Amino acid sequence: LRADASEATFIRSKLTCDIHNRLGLPSISANYATLYINDEYMGFYILLDVPKLSWAKSVFHGNDNDNLYQCSINGNFLTYDSSAFSCTNENDNVIDNSEWINFLRTLDKAENPSDIEDIFDIDLFLTEMAIEYLIGSFDHFLINGHNYYIYKPQNDKWKLVLYDFDLTFGQDIDLYFLIKIFVDIPEQLQSVNREYYNYSFDEWARHTHLVDILILKDPSRFEKILKDVVSKAFNPTVLYPRIDELKSFIKSYVEKDKTPNEKGNYPGKLNLLANDYTLEQWDANSEFTSIETSLKYRAFGLKYWILQKYRYVCKTYSIQCDNQYIDESFQYPINKNVEMYDYNIQKNNDNEKETTEIKSPDEPSTTTTTTTTTTFIDEPIPTVIDNYQCFAEMIGYSCCSPENKVAYAHDNNGDWGYDFNKQEWCGLTPYIKHDETESCWSEKLGYPCCSDCYVFEVDTDGSWGYNFSKKQWCGVPKHCPL
């Protein structure tokens, strides 16, 4: 049971499952549910399968429960080094994982598809990669390397199965490509092509070993599958009526979910300070309007993403597509009331840097300390301070005054308050002095330690950050408040 609170439409997960089903792929299913606890209405949710052992038995009609591995941690790209021990077997009784290890080592040694054709369902893998690319998923195999299962039915090949589809169709996509909303270096906003639907596959995907040997080395097989997916499932002719159908079906439930009770609270919302999407945002983002997300990024309109990606792949891969949608004069509505066109970059004067406007929290009427999780702060140029008082000083911000105790946000640098007099963010989490030698664990691996606490990757060695100015990975210090 999922709220899919990160996205406004309640449709992204369902639509992705529908695409899989239309193509006849092994997939989880998505439905809708209303939840009541002791006769109290708790809201509207998405009911999703989980690819557990019972699911595998039902879908593949077999009793082999020894080889279902979940790869949920970032950086699992089906190599021995990345996945041997970070993907976990769903059967806790299985002690011998030699078949899994041998599978990964065989993938590592492969130089072309024929080397693994008899053990790995390549066509299924390529179809899933085509779907990831078309729906703009950065949260599965191609980019983040997680949110998938690998299953080997008895007397069959290893198969990849995706799950968790809320960050799709342009939802919070800047979260990956921009990392953070840039405060002090907004020129970074201008250096990234944020028309993500116009990325080629080569630009979109990480060049991992499997992607290299199965797609980039000779893309003909992948492109044939991609064209088939576009023709059968990923096109406005198929998806627009389905979106309309789903909107019509769930509208009354969404309206109820977004109707506050007599106390002014929304059903099932235990965190009263959490942001929630409005009914107008639900309607607009299901269509062509991009909106601001709860993480303060952007969600492309669902139909808009489909239209633009469809146009790009039709032209790039010379697919015979519907001229109605290829025609640039095709008209569609935009709801200006809720539209987020772009981040608001303001220029102060010739001697000041551009800054990205970030909404400040409303001034509190009480002093109750409440922490919410959001992503909003990038890493400004560090300020050299001999004795840090809080972690925020490591990245150039001030500590909050002693009487300022309300936490409005949290990230890898701890809790953040807001100084309403200065109209600026301030740090709440005290800095902990540490032994530099003990803390800089990555130096023995040939990498320096980071100067801040932002985490981009996690592996068996530890948490990794990235120095953009030096274009170098670094180890996140162990003393960071992760």
Protein backbone atom coordinates (compact mmCIF):
# COMPACT_ATOMS: atom_id res chain seq x y z
CA LEU A 1 0.00 0.00 0.00
CA ARG A 2 1.69 3.22 -1.18
CA ALA A 3 0.71 6.85 -0.96
CA ASP A 4 3.11 7.75 -3.81
CA ALA A 5 3.22 11.09 -2.03
CA SER A 6 6.17 12.29 -4.09
CA GLU A 7 4.00 12.70 -7.20
CA ALA A 8 0.69 14.45 -7.70
CA THR A 9 -1.24 12.28 -10.15
CA PHE A 10 -1.68 8.80 -8.57
CA ILE A 11 -1.15 7.62 -12.16
CA ARG A 12 2.58 7.23 -12.82
CA SER A 13 2.97 3.86 -11.09
CA LYS A 14 -0.26 2.49 -12.52
CA LEU A 15 0.55 3.63 -16.06
CA THR A 16 4.00 2.06 -15.97
CA CYS A 17 2.53 -1.25 -14.84
CA ASP A 18 -0.06 -0.98 -17.61
CA ILE A 19 2.71 -0.49 -20.19
CA HIS A 20 4.38 -3.67 -18.94
CA ASN A 21 1.14 -5.60 -19.06
CA ARG A 22 0.32 -4.37 -22.55
CA LEU A 23 3.69 -5.68 -23.73
CA GLY A 24 3.17 -9.03 -21.99
CA LEU A 25 6.14 -8.60 -19.66
CA PRO A 26 6.47 -10.19 -16.23
CA SER A 27 5.50 -7.30 -14.01
CA ILE A 28 4.00 -6.24 -10.75
CA SER A 29 0.39 -5.03 -10.86
CA ALA A 30 -1.02 -1.75 -9.59
CA ASN A 31 -4.53 -1.00 -8.38
CA TYR A 32 -6.20 1.56 -6.14
CA ALA A 33 -7.49 1.32 -2.58
CA THR A 34 -9.13 3.45 0.09
CA LEU A 35 -7.96 2.78 3.62
CA TYR A 36 -10.07 2.80 6.77
CA ILE A 37 -8.78 2.14 10.28
CA ASN A 38 -11.47 1.60 12.91
CA ASP A 39 -13.98 3.16 10.51
CA GLU A 40 -11.82 6.28 10.16
CA TYR A 41 -11.04 7.21 6.57
CA MET A 42 -7.25 7.35 6.13
CA GLY A 43 -6.95 8.29 2.48
CA PHE A 44 -6.52 7.07 -1.07
CA TYR A 45 -3.60 4.82 -1.98
CA ILE A 46 -2.01 2.74 -4.71
CA LEU A 47 -1.96 -1.01 -4.08
CA LEU A 48 1.14 -2.58 -5.64
CA ASP A 49 2.45 -6.11 -5.91
CA VAL A 50 5.89 -6.80 -4.51
CA PRO A 51 8.06 -9.28 -6.44
CA LYS A 52 8.40 -11.67 -3.52
CA LEU A 53 8.58 -15.48 -3.63
CA SER A 54 4.80 -15.93 -3.85
CA TRP A 55 4.66 -13.45 -6.74
CA ALA A 56 7.42 -15.29 -8.61
CA LYS A 57 5.65 -18.62 -8.14
CA SER A 58 2.40 -17.16 -9.46
CA VAL A 59 3.86 -15.30 -12.45
CA PHE A 60 6.36 -17.92 -13.58
CA HIS A 61 4.31 -20.98 -12.53
CA GLY A 62 7.18 -22.70 -10.81
CA ASN A 63 8.43 -23.72 -7.39
CA ASP A 64 12.02 -22.52 -7.62
CA ASN A 65 12.40 -20.25 -4.59
CA ASP A 66 16.20 -20.24 -4.40
CA ASN A 67 17.11 -17.52 -6.88
CA LEU A 68 15.10 -14.33 -6.39
CA TYR A 69 17.44 -11.43 -5.61
CA GLN A 70 16.39 -7.90 -4.74
CA CYS A 71 18.77 -5.11 -5.77
CA SER A 72 17.52 -2.11 -3.80
CA ILE A 73 20.77 -0.28 -3.03
CA ASN A 74 22.19 2.30 -5.45
CA GLY A 75 25.02 1.21 -7.70
CA ASN A 76 23.94 -2.37 -8.47
CA PHE A 77 24.84 -2.81 -12.15
CA LEU A 78 24.96 -6.62 -12.23
CA THR A 79 28.70 -6.99 -11.86
CA TYR A 80 30.43 -9.08 -9.24
CA ASP A 81 31.94 -6.03 -7.57
CA SER A 82 28.69 -4.05 -7.43
CA SER A 83 26.06 -6.73 -6.83
CA ALA A 84 27.48 -9.98 -5.43
CA PHE A 85 26.75 -9.09 -1.83
CA SER A 86 24.55 -5.99 -2.03
CA CYS A 87 21.64 -7.73 -3.78
CA THR A 88 19.82 -9.91 -1.26
CA ASN A 89 18.09 -13.26 -1.71
CA GLU A 90 14.40 -13.17 -0.81
CA ASN A 91 14.68 -16.72 0.52
CA ASP A 92 16.35 -16.42 3.91
CA ASN A 93 16.91 -20.18 4.01
CA VAL A 94 19.30 -20.11 1.06
CA ILE A 95 22.89 -20.23 2.26
CA ASP A 96 24.65 -21.24 -0.94
CA ASN A 97 24.67 -18.32 -3.38
CA SER A 98 27.20 -19.85 -5.75
CA GLU A 99 24.75 -19.86 -8.67
CA TRP A 100 24.26 -16.10 -8.25
CA ILE A 101 28.01 -15.49 -8.01
CA ASN A 102 28.70 -17.59 -11.10
CA PHE A 103 26.01 -15.68 -12.99
CA LEU A 104 27.61 -12.33 -12.16
CA ARG A 105 31.11 -13.53 -13.02
CA THR A 106 29.83 -14.79 -16.37
CA LEU A 107 28.28 -11.38 -17.07
CA ASP A 108 31.60 -9.73 -16.18
CA LYS A 109 33.49 -11.88 -18.67
CA ALA A 110 30.99 -11.40 -21.49
CA GLU A 111 32.14 -9.39 -24.50
CA ASN A 112 29.00 -9.68 -26.62
CA PRO A 113 25.39 -10.93 -26.31
CA SER A 114 26.19 -14.45 -27.49
CA ASP A 115 28.36 -15.00 -24.41
CA ILE A 116 25.34 -14.77 -22.10
CA GLU A 117 22.39 -15.51 -24.38
CA ASP A 118 21.85 -18.96 -22.86
CA ILE A 119 21.75 -17.75 -19.23
CA PHE A 120 20.28 -14.22 -19.34
CA ASP A 121 16.97 -13.10 -20.87
CA ILE A 122 18.51 -10.40 -23.04
CA ASP A 123 15.32 -9.44 -24.88
CA LEU A 124 13.53 -8.87 -21.58
CA PHE A 125 16.45 -6.81 -20.31
CA LEU A 126 16.52 -4.69 -23.47
CA THR A 127 12.76 -4.15 -23.29
CA GLU A 128 13.05 -2.95 -19.69
CA MET A 129 15.89 -0.63 -20.67
CA ALA A 130 13.74 0.76 -23.49
CA ILE A 131 10.90 1.38 -21.03
CA GLU A 132 13.24 3.05 -18.52
CA TYR A 133 14.52 5.35 -21.24
CA LEU A 134 11.07 6.23 -22.59
CA ILE A 135 9.44 6.96 -19.23
CA GLY A 136 12.47 8.94 -18.05
CA SER A 137 13.28 6.75 -15.08
CA PHE A 138 16.49 7.66 -13.27
CA ASP A 139 15.60 5.40 -10.34
CA HIS A 140 16.15 1.95 -11.83
CA PHE A 141 18.96 0.08 -13.59
CA LEU A 142 20.17 2.55 -16.24
CA ILE A 143 21.15 5.39 -13.93
CA ASN A 144 20.88 4.66 -10.21
CA GLY A 145 21.32 0.90 -10.52
CA HIS A 146 18.60 -0.24 -8.15
CA ASN A 147 14.87 -0.94 -7.68
CA TYR A 148 14.84 -4.23 -9.54
CA TYR A 149 14.80 -7.96 -8.91
CA ILE A 150 16.71 -10.71 -10.68
CA TYR A 151 14.96 -14.08 -10.81
CA LYS A 152 15.92 -17.43 -12.28
CA PRO A 153 12.96 -19.76 -12.75
CA GLN A 154 13.78 -23.45 -12.77
CA ASN A 155 15.30 -24.55 -16.10
CA ASP A 156 15.10 -21.00 -17.43
CA LYS A 157 17.23 -17.87 -17.83
CA TRP A 158 17.86 -15.13 -15.30
CA LYS A 159 15.29 -12.35 -15.70
CA LEU A 160 15.19 -8.70 -14.62
CA VAL A 161 11.98 -7.31 -13.09
CA LEU A 162 11.53 -3.62 -12.21
CA TYR A 163 9.51 -2.13 -9.34
CA ASP A 164 8.83 1.28 -7.73
CA PHE A 165 7.60 3.60 -10.48
CA ASP A 166 6.71 6.92 -8.85
CA LEU A 167 9.81 8.79 -10.13
CA THR A 168 8.92 8.44 -13.80
CA PHE A 169 7.59 10.57 -16.68
CA GLY A 170 9.70 13.56 -15.62
CA GLN A 171 8.90 13.42 -11.90
CA ASP A 172 11.61 15.12 -9.78
CA ILE A 173 14.05 14.42 -12.59
CA ASP A 174 16.26 17.39 -11.64
CA LEU A 175 16.96 15.51 -8.42
CA TYR A 176 19.46 13.41 -10.34
CA PHE A 177 20.74 15.75 -13.02
CA LEU A 178 21.06 18.87 -10.85
CA ILE A 179 21.61 17.02 -7.56
CA LYS A 180 20.43 20.02 -5.53
CA ILE A 181 18.67 23.28 -6.31
CA PHE A 182 21.63 25.59 -6.71
CA VAL A 183 21.74 28.60 -4.44
CA ASP A 184 25.14 30.21 -4.97
CA ILE A 185 26.09 28.82 -8.37
CA PRO A 186 22.95 29.06 -10.53
CA GLU A 187 25.08 29.02 -13.66
CA GLN A 188 25.03 25.25 -13.13
CA LEU A 189 21.34 25.42 -13.99
CA GLN A 190 22.27 26.85 -17.36
CA SER A 191 24.94 24.23 -18.06
CA VAL A 192 22.55 21.28 -17.92
CA ASN A 193 20.15 20.48 -20.75
CA ARG A 194 16.92 20.15 -18.80
CA GLU A 195 14.87 19.06 -21.80
CA TYR A 196 15.48 15.54 -20.56
CA TYR A 197 13.00 14.04 -23.00
CA ASN A 198 15.41 15.06 -25.79
CA TYR A 199 18.32 13.05 -24.40
CA SER A 200 19.68 10.31 -26.62
CA PHE A 201 20.02 6.88 -25.04
CA ASP A 202 23.77 7.35 -24.98
CA GLU A 203 23.34 10.62 -23.05
CA TRP A 204 20.76 9.14 -20.71
CA ALA A 205 22.27 5.84 -19.58
CA ARG A 206 25.34 5.15 -17.52
CA HIS A 207 27.87 3.26 -19.61
CA THR A 208 27.95 0.15 -17.46
CA HIS A 209 29.32 -3.16 -18.69
CA LEU A 210 25.93 -4.67 -19.62
CA VAL A 211 24.76 -1.49 -21.33
CA ASP A 212 28.01 -1.37 -23.30
CA ILE A 213 27.98 -4.95 -24.59
CA LEU A 214 24.22 -5.32 -25.09
CA ILE A 215 23.31 -1.87 -26.44
CA LEU A 216 26.05 0.63 -27.16
CA LYS A 217 28.44 -1.76 -28.90
CA ASP A 218 25.73 -2.74 -31.41
CA PRO A 219 22.40 -0.90 -30.86
CA SER A 220 20.45 -2.63 -33.64
CA ARG A 221 18.73 -5.20 -31.42
CA PHE A 222 17.88 -2.61 -28.80
CA GLU A 223 16.56 -0.15 -31.37
CA LYS A 224 14.30 -2.81 -32.88
CA ILE A 225 12.83 -3.50 -29.43
CA LEU A 226 12.55 0.24 -28.69
CA LYS A 227 10.54 0.78 -31.87
CA ASP A 228 8.26 -2.10 -30.94
CA VAL A 229 7.63 -0.62 -27.47
CA VAL A 230 6.83 2.78 -29.00
CA SER A 231 4.50 1.25 -31.58
CA LYS A 232 2.59 -0.95 -29.13
CA ALA A 233 2.61 0.87 -25.82
CA PHE A 234 4.45 4.19 -25.57
CA ASN A 235 2.54 6.62 -27.76
CA PRO A 236 -0.17 9.25 -27.21
CA THR A 237 -2.75 7.23 -29.15
CA VAL A 238 -2.55 4.47 -26.55
CA LEU A 239 -1.60 6.37 -23.40
CA TYR A 240 -3.72 9.53 -23.58
CA PRO A 241 -7.07 7.66 -23.52
CA ARG A 242 -5.73 5.44 -20.73
CA ILE A 243 -4.78 8.49 -18.66
CA ASP A 244 -8.23 9.98 -19.26
CA GLU A 245 -9.81 6.70 -18.20
CA LEU A 246 -7.76 6.51 -15.01
CA LYS A 247 -8.44 10.16 -14.16
CA SER A 248 -12.15 9.63 -14.56
CA PHE A 249 -12.05 6.48 -12.46
CA ILE A 250 -10.11 7.94 -9.51
CA LYS A 251 -11.39 11.54 -9.54
CA SER A 252 -14.00 11.13 -6.80
CA TYR A 253 -11.47 9.29 -4.62
CA VAL A 254 -8.85 11.99 -5.14
CA GLU A 255 -11.39 14.69 -4.29
CA LYS A 256 -12.21 12.90 -1.04
CA ASP A 257 -8.51 12.41 -0.28
CA LYS A 258 -7.95 16.15 -0.66
CA THR A 259 -10.93 17.27 1.42
CA PRO A 260 -9.91 18.34 4.95
CA ASN A 261 -11.88 17.16 7.97
CA GLU A 262 -13.57 19.38 10.52
CA LYS A 263 -10.17 20.12 12.11
CA GLY A 264 -8.74 21.24 8.80
CA ASN A 265 -6.52 18.16 8.48
CA TYR A 266 -6.34 15.88 5.45
CA PRO A 267 -7.21 12.19 5.88
CA GLY A 268 -4.33 9.94 6.86
CA LYS A 269 -1.82 12.80 7.06
CA LEU A 270 -0.06 12.20 10.37
CA ASN A 271 2.66 14.74 9.61
CA LEU A 272 0.60 17.92 9.59
CA LEU A 273 3.51 20.01 8.29
CA ALA A 274 4.10 17.84 5.22
CA ASN A 275 3.35 19.38 1.85
CA ASP A 276 0.45 17.91 -0.09
CA TYR A 277 -0.60 18.42 -3.68
CA THR A 278 -3.84 20.23 -4.42
CA LEU A 279 -6.69 18.93 -6.54
CA GLU A 280 -5.78 21.53 -9.16
CA GLN A 281 -2.20 20.25 -9.26
CA TRP A 282 -3.46 16.67 -9.59
CA ASP A 283 -5.57 17.58 -12.58
CA ALA A 284 -2.95 19.79 -14.25
CA ASN A 285 0.02 17.46 -13.81
CA SER A 286 -1.98 14.53 -15.18
CA GLU A 287 -2.22 16.57 -18.38
CA PHE A 288 0.43 18.89 -19.85
CA THR A 289 1.33 21.23 -16.99
CA SER A 290 4.65 21.00 -15.14
CA ILE A 291 4.33 21.72 -11.41
CA GLU A 292 6.57 22.26 -8.42
CA THR A 293 6.99 19.04 -6.47
CA SER A 294 6.99 18.46 -2.74
CA LEU A 295 10.80 18.31 -2.96
CA LYS A 296 10.82 21.75 -4.63
CA TYR A 297 11.90 20.31 -7.97
CA ARG A 298 9.81 20.01 -11.11
CA ALA A 299 7.40 17.34 -12.35
CA PHE A 300 6.74 17.48 -16.07
CA GLY A 301 3.12 17.12 -17.07
CA LEU A 302 2.36 13.44 -17.63
CA LYS A 303 0.97 13.87 -21.14
CA TYR A 304 3.61 16.50 -21.93
CA TRP A 305 6.45 14.09 -21.17
CA ILE A 306 4.84 11.40 -23.33
CA LEU A 307 4.34 13.85 -26.21
CA GLN A 308 7.88 15.22 -26.18
CA LYS A 309 9.59 11.85 -25.73
CA TYR A 310 7.41 10.38 -28.48
CA ARG A 311 8.41 13.17 -30.85
CA TYR A 312 12.09 12.73 -30.07
CA VAL A 313 12.27 8.96 -30.55
CA CYS A 314 10.08 9.07 -33.65
CA LYS A 315 12.50 11.47 -35.32
CA THR A 316 15.69 9.95 -33.95
CA TYR A 317 14.85 6.35 -34.82
CA SER A 318 12.82 7.08 -37.99
CA ILE A 319 9.67 5.48 -36.59
CA GLN A 320 6.41 5.82 -38.50
CA CYS A 321 4.42 7.85 -35.98
CA ASP A 322 1.08 9.62 -35.78
CA ASN A 323 1.40 12.96 -37.59
CA GLN A 324 -1.23 14.48 -35.31
CA TYR A 325 1.26 14.40 -32.42
CA ILE A 326 4.44 14.94 -34.43
CA ASP A 327 3.03 18.20 -35.79
CA GLU A 328 4.49 21.07 -33.74
CA SER A 329 1.19 22.94 -34.08
CA PHE A 330 -0.56 20.34 -31.91
CA GLN A 331 -2.45 22.30 -29.24
CA TYR A 332 -2.59 21.42 -25.55
CA PRO A 333 -3.70 23.34 -22.43
CA ILE A 334 -1.43 24.66 -19.67
CA ASN A 335 -2.78 25.63 -16.26
CA LYS A 336 -0.88 28.82 -15.45
CA ASN A 337 -2.22 28.86 -11.89
CA VAL A 338 -0.03 25.92 -10.87
CA GLU A 339 2.59 25.82 -13.62
CA MET A 340 6.25 25.69 -12.70
CA TYR A 341 8.03 26.84 -15.81
CA ASP A 342 11.54 27.01 -14.38
CA TYR A 343 13.54 27.80 -11.27
CA ASN A 344 13.46 31.51 -10.50
CA ILE A 345 16.99 32.80 -11.05
CA GLN A 346 17.50 36.40 -10.06
CA LYS A 347 20.47 38.66 -10.81
CA ASN A 348 21.25 41.25 -8.16
CA ASN A 349 23.81 43.47 -9.92
CA ASP A 350 27.01 43.23 -11.91
CA ASN A 351 29.07 42.57 -8.82
CA GLU A 352 26.86 39.91 -7.31
CA LYS A 353 26.29 36.32 -8.33
CA GLU A 354 22.97 35.13 -9.59
CA THR A 355 20.93 33.31 -6.99
CA THR A 356 18.11 30.84 -7.17
CA GLU A 357 15.08 31.90 -5.17
CA ILE A 358 14.09 29.40 -2.51
CA LYS A 359 10.83 29.76 -0.68
CA SER A 360 11.26 30.54 2.99
CA PRO A 361 9.17 28.80 5.62
CA ASP A 362 6.26 30.68 7.13
CA GLU A 363 7.19 32.31 10.40
CA PRO A 364 6.12 29.98 13.23
CA SER A 365 3.55 30.94 15.79
CA THR A 366 4.91 28.41 18.31
CA THR A 367 8.34 27.15 19.28
CA THR A 368 7.53 23.47 18.81
CA THR A 369 10.49 21.72 17.19
CA THR A 370 9.44 19.73 14.16
CA THR A 371 11.74 18.15 11.59
CA THR A 372 10.72 17.51 8.01
CA THR A 373 12.88 15.98 5.30
CA THR A 374 13.40 17.86 2.06
CA THR A 375 16.14 18.55 -0.47
CA PHE A 376 16.77 22.21 -1.06
CA ILE A 377 20.32 23.26 -0.37
CA ASP A 378 23.31 22.82 -2.60
CA GLU A 379 26.89 23.07 -1.52
CA PRO A 380 27.99 26.72 -1.59
CA ILE A 381 31.69 27.49 -1.74
CA PRO A 382 33.05 26.33 1.65
CA THR A 383 34.08 28.98 4.15
CA VAL A 384 37.32 28.32 6.00
CA ILE A 385 36.59 28.26 9.72
CA ASP A 386 39.10 27.12 12.31
CA ASN A 387 36.56 25.86 14.80
CA TYR A 388 33.18 24.87 13.43
CA GLN A 389 30.23 25.21 15.79
CA CYS A 390 27.73 23.47 13.51
CA PHE A 391 27.90 21.35 10.36
CA ALA A 392 26.33 24.17 8.31
CA GLU A 393 29.52 26.21 8.71
CA MET A 394 31.39 23.57 6.72
CA ILE A 395 29.53 24.70 3.60
CA GLY A 396 29.40 28.43 4.25
CA TYR A 397 26.24 28.91 6.31
CA SER A 398 25.88 30.32 9.82
CA CYS A 399 24.73 28.47 12.90
CA CYS A 400 21.34 29.33 14.33
CA SER A 401 21.22 31.49 17.44
CA PRO A 402 20.61 29.60 20.73
CA GLU A 403 16.96 30.68 20.88
CA ASN A 404 16.31 29.52 17.30
CA LYS A 405 15.51 25.82 17.79
CA VAL A 406 12.86 25.05 15.18
CA ALA A 407 14.02 22.64 12.46
CA TYR A 408 12.36 23.16 9.08
CA ALA A 409 14.45 20.75 7.05
CA HIS A 410 17.06 18.02 7.25
CA ASP A 411 19.76 16.84 4.86
CA ASN A 412 23.20 15.25 5.04
CA ASN A 413 24.51 18.29 6.91
CA GLY A 414 22.00 17.89 9.70
CA ASP A 415 18.99 19.95 10.77
CA TRP A 416 18.27 23.40 9.34
CA GLY A 417 16.50 26.32 10.96
CA TYR A 418 15.56 29.67 9.47
CA ASP A 419 16.50 33.16 10.64
CA PHE A 420 13.49 35.31 9.81
CA ASN A 421 15.29 38.55 10.65
CA LYS A 422 18.16 37.86 8.24
CA GLN A 423 15.92 35.85 5.91
CA GLU A 424 18.45 33.07 5.57
CA TRP A 425 18.89 29.41 6.51
CA CYS A 426 21.04 28.47 9.49
CA GLY A 427 22.45 25.23 10.89
CA LEU A 428 21.15 23.49 14.01
CA THR A 429 23.22 20.31 14.23
CA PRO A 430 26.34 20.86 16.39
CA TYR A 431 29.68 20.08 14.79
CA ILE A 432 31.43 17.08 16.33
CA LYS A 433 35.20 17.24 16.53
CA HIS A 434 36.88 14.15 15.16
CA ASP A 435 40.16 12.45 14.43
CA GLU A 436 40.98 13.39 10.82
CA THR A 437 43.05 10.23 10.27
CA GLU A 438 40.34 7.92 11.51
CA SER A 439 37.61 9.83 9.70
CA CYS A 440 39.25 9.92 6.26
CA TRP A 441 38.72 6.26 5.46
CA SER A 442 38.86 6.74 1.67
CA GLU A 443 42.52 7.82 1.51
CA LYS A 444 43.70 4.22 1.75
CA LEU A 445 41.65 3.58 -1.40
CA GLY A 446 43.31 6.44 -3.25
CA TYR A 447 40.54 9.03 -2.81
CA PRO A 448 40.54 12.19 -0.67
CA CYS A 449 37.90 12.90 1.94
CA CYS A 450 35.05 15.25 1.09
CA SER A 451 34.86 18.72 2.58
CA ASP A 452 31.13 18.31 3.18
CA CYS A 453 28.61 15.58 3.92
CA TYR A 454 26.61 15.16 0.71
CA VAL A 455 26.22 11.51 -0.32
CA PHE A 456 25.89 10.50 -3.99
CA GLU A 457 26.70 6.79 -3.83
CA VAL A 458 26.95 4.09 -1.15
CA ASP A 459 28.89 0.85 -1.51
CA THR A 460 30.54 -1.71 0.76
CA ASP A 461 33.42 0.69 1.47
CA GLY A 462 31.28 3.58 2.65
CA SER A 463 29.46 6.70 1.51
CA TRP A 464 30.83 8.65 -1.46
CA GLY A 465 30.56 12.31 -2.39
CA TYR A 466 31.73 14.14 -5.49
CA ASN A 467 33.91 17.22 -5.94
CA PHE A 468 32.47 18.93 -9.01
CA SER A 469 35.27 21.47 -9.35
CA LYS A 470 37.95 18.75 -9.42
CA LYS A 471 35.65 16.16 -11.04
CA GLN A 472 36.73 13.63 -8.45
CA TRP A 473 35.02 11.19 -6.10
CA CYS A 474 35.69 11.59 -2.39
CA GLY A 475 34.87 9.72 0.78
CA VAL A 476 32.16 11.23 3.00
CA PRO A 477 33.66 11.61 6.50
CA LYS A 478 32.40 9.14 9.07
CA HIS A 479 31.55 11.92 11.49
CA CYS A 480 28.91 13.34 9.15
CA PRO A 481 25.31 13.23 10.48
CA LEU A 482 24.10 10.77 7.80
